[in-house]
Amino acid sequence: MSAVEFSIKLRVYIEDTDAGGIVYYVNYLKFMERARTEFMRSLGFGKDYIFNHDLMFVVRDVVVRYQAPALLDDELEAGLTLADVGGASLVMRQAIRRGGQELASAEVTIACVDRAGLRPRRLPRDMLDTLRAAQIH
């Protein structure tokens, strides 16, 4: 996989919005989470791999910028690029777009932890190599 943006399509449902039909701010984080999950799955690191390697990913830091609202029934694109891969962490740049318009963007730092004690742990070698090949250079 080359270092290009990964993205998924999403539809805004009534459950995603406030009484005015505008996407509630925290739901952008949910949309970004879906993109991260599908990105990892596309690389072969779905839930079975994660569970079988006794690891979890947790959000350590997130900085979000909201530029414009998404509305009920909008078709959105949730995208990401992998900006940095450390031994036990990932930094992803993410964006939610409608057409070519960026509605929200974020930089998200993900930490790899062991399932039992939630302590930081190194990424498995095959995952590390695959993720490094997919990151922006």
Protein backbone atom coordinates (compact mmCIF):
# COMPACT_ATOMS: atom_id res chain seq x y z
CA MET A 1 0.00 0.00 0.00
CA SER A 2 1.38 3.41 -0.88
CA ALA A 3 1.19 6.40 1.43
CA VAL A 4 -2.13 7.74 0.18
CA GLU A 5 -5.24 8.79 2.01
CA PHE A 6 -7.57 6.01 3.06
CA SER A 7 -11.25 6.90 3.22
CA ILE A 8 -14.72 5.50 3.77
CA LYS A 9 -18.14 6.89 2.87
CA LEU A 10 -20.68 7.67 5.60
CA ARG A 11 -24.26 8.90 5.64
CA VAL A 12 -25.54 11.28 8.34
CA TYR A 13 -28.58 9.79 10.08
CA ILE A 14 -30.99 11.50 12.44
CA GLU A 15 -29.27 9.82 15.40
CA ASP A 16 -26.07 11.72 14.47
CA THR A 17 -27.69 15.15 14.69
CA ASP A 18 -29.04 17.61 17.21
CA ALA A 19 -32.57 19.03 17.10
CA GLY A 20 -31.53 21.40 14.30
CA GLY A 21 -30.33 18.61 12.00
CA ILE A 22 -26.65 19.48 12.50
CA VAL A 23 -24.15 16.72 13.32
CA TYR A 24 -23.38 16.79 17.04
CA TYR A 25 -19.68 17.59 17.53
CA VAL A 26 -18.68 14.33 19.24
CA ASN A 27 -20.00 12.28 16.32
CA TYR A 28 -17.13 13.50 14.14
CA LEU A 29 -14.87 11.52 16.50
CA LYS A 30 -17.05 8.44 15.94
CA PHE A 31 -16.79 8.88 12.17
CA MET A 32 -13.00 9.14 12.50
CA GLU A 33 -12.91 6.00 14.65
CA ARG A 34 -14.76 4.08 11.92
CA ALA A 35 -12.19 5.20 9.36
CA ARG A 36 -9.30 4.08 11.62
CA THR A 37 -10.95 0.70 12.17
CA GLU A 38 -11.53 0.15 8.45
CA PHE A 39 -8.00 1.32 7.64
CA MET A 40 -6.50 -1.27 9.99
CA ARG A 41 -8.87 -3.93 8.63
CA SER A 42 -7.79 -3.07 5.06
CA LEU A 43 -4.19 -3.80 6.07
CA GLY A 44 -5.12 -7.20 7.53
CA PHE A 45 -5.30 -6.09 11.16
CA GLY A 46 -8.97 -6.64 12.01
CA LYS A 47 -10.40 -7.58 15.37
CA ASP A 48 -9.23 -11.22 15.13
CA TYR A 49 -5.62 -10.14 14.66
CA ILE A 50 -5.87 -7.60 17.49
CA PHE A 51 -7.43 -10.08 19.93
CA ASN A 52 -5.07 -12.92 18.97
CA HIS A 53 -2.08 -10.68 19.68
CA ASP A 54 -3.48 -9.60 23.06
CA LEU A 55 -3.34 -5.90 22.28
CA MET A 56 -5.60 -2.88 22.10
CA PHE A 57 -5.37 0.61 20.69
CA VAL A 58 -6.34 3.61 22.78
CA VAL A 59 -6.54 7.28 21.89
CA ARG A 60 -3.81 9.13 23.76
CA ASP A 61 -4.26 12.59 22.26
CA VAL A 62 -6.67 14.20 19.84
CA VAL A 63 -6.85 17.74 18.53
CA VAL A 64 -9.94 18.51 16.46
CA ARG A 65 -10.74 21.56 14.34
CA TYR A 66 -14.33 22.12 13.26
CA GLN A 67 -14.71 24.22 10.12
CA ALA A 68 -18.30 23.74 8.89
CA PRO A 69 -21.33 21.67 9.93
CA ALA A 70 -22.45 18.39 8.42
CA LEU A 71 -26.22 18.06 8.08
CA LEU A 72 -28.85 15.37 8.21
CA ASP A 73 -28.68 13.05 5.16
CA ASP A 74 -25.29 14.38 3.98
CA GLU A 75 -22.95 11.87 2.39
CA LEU A 76 -19.56 12.27 4.04
CA GLU A 77 -16.10 10.92 3.53
CA ALA A 78 -13.97 10.07 6.57
CA GLY A 79 -10.32 9.97 5.58
CA LEU A 80 -6.95 9.49 7.16
CA THR A 81 -3.28 9.50 6.42
CA LEU A 82 -0.72 7.84 8.63
CA ALA A 83 1.70 10.60 9.64
CA ASP A 84 3.99 8.75 12.06
CA VAL A 85 4.59 5.21 13.24
CA GLY A 86 6.51 4.69 16.47
CA GLY A 87 7.34 1.43 18.17
CA ALA A 88 4.17 1.60 20.28
CA SER A 89 2.17 4.48 18.81
CA LEU A 90 0.64 5.92 15.64
CA VAL A 91 -0.19 9.47 14.61
CA MET A 92 -2.99 9.86 12.11
CA ARG A 93 -4.22 12.97 10.36
CA GLN A 94 -7.93 12.67 9.76
CA ALA A 95 -10.59 14.69 7.99
CA ILE A 96 -14.34 14.59 7.50
CA ARG A 97 -15.41 16.00 4.13
CA ARG A 98 -18.58 16.63 2.20
CA GLY A 99 -17.64 16.69 -1.46
CA GLY A 100 -14.41 18.64 -1.55
CA GLN A 101 -15.23 20.71 1.55
CA GLU A 102 -13.39 19.86 4.75
CA LEU A 103 -15.81 19.99 7.67
CA ALA A 104 -13.55 18.79 10.49
CA SER A 105 -9.93 17.72 10.80
CA ALA A 106 -7.93 16.11 13.56
CA GLU A 107 -4.56 14.80 14.55
CA VAL A 108 -5.01 11.63 16.59
CA THR A 109 -2.28 9.83 18.52
CA ILE A 110 -3.03 6.16 19.15
CA ALA A 111 -1.12 4.08 21.71
CA CYS A 112 -0.76 0.31 21.58
CA VAL A 113 -1.38 -1.33 24.97
CA ASP A 114 -1.62 -4.87 26.30
CA ARG A 115 -5.16 -6.04 26.98
CA ALA A 116 -4.61 -7.29 30.52
CA GLY A 117 -2.87 -4.34 32.17
CA LEU A 118 -3.44 -1.57 29.62
CA ARG A 119 0.30 -0.88 29.69
CA PRO A 120 2.10 0.41 26.60
CA ARG A 121 3.54 -2.33 24.42
CA ARG A 122 5.38 -2.52 21.14
CA LEU A 123 3.50 -3.16 17.94
CA PRO A 124 3.99 -6.68 16.56
CA ARG A 125 6.79 -6.68 13.94
CA ASP A 126 4.53 -7.54 10.97
CA MET A 127 2.11 -4.75 11.91
CA LEU A 128 4.94 -2.28 12.44
CA ASP A 129 6.47 -3.05 9.03
CA THR A 130 3.10 -2.78 7.23
CA LEU A 131 2.20 0.49 8.95
CA ARG A 132 5.61 2.04 8.27
CA ALA A 133 5.19 1.19 4.59
CA ALA A 134 1.79 2.95 4.60
CA GLN A 135 2.90 6.17 6.30
CA ILE A 136 3.55 9.53 4.66
CA HIS A 137 7.23 10.07 3.87
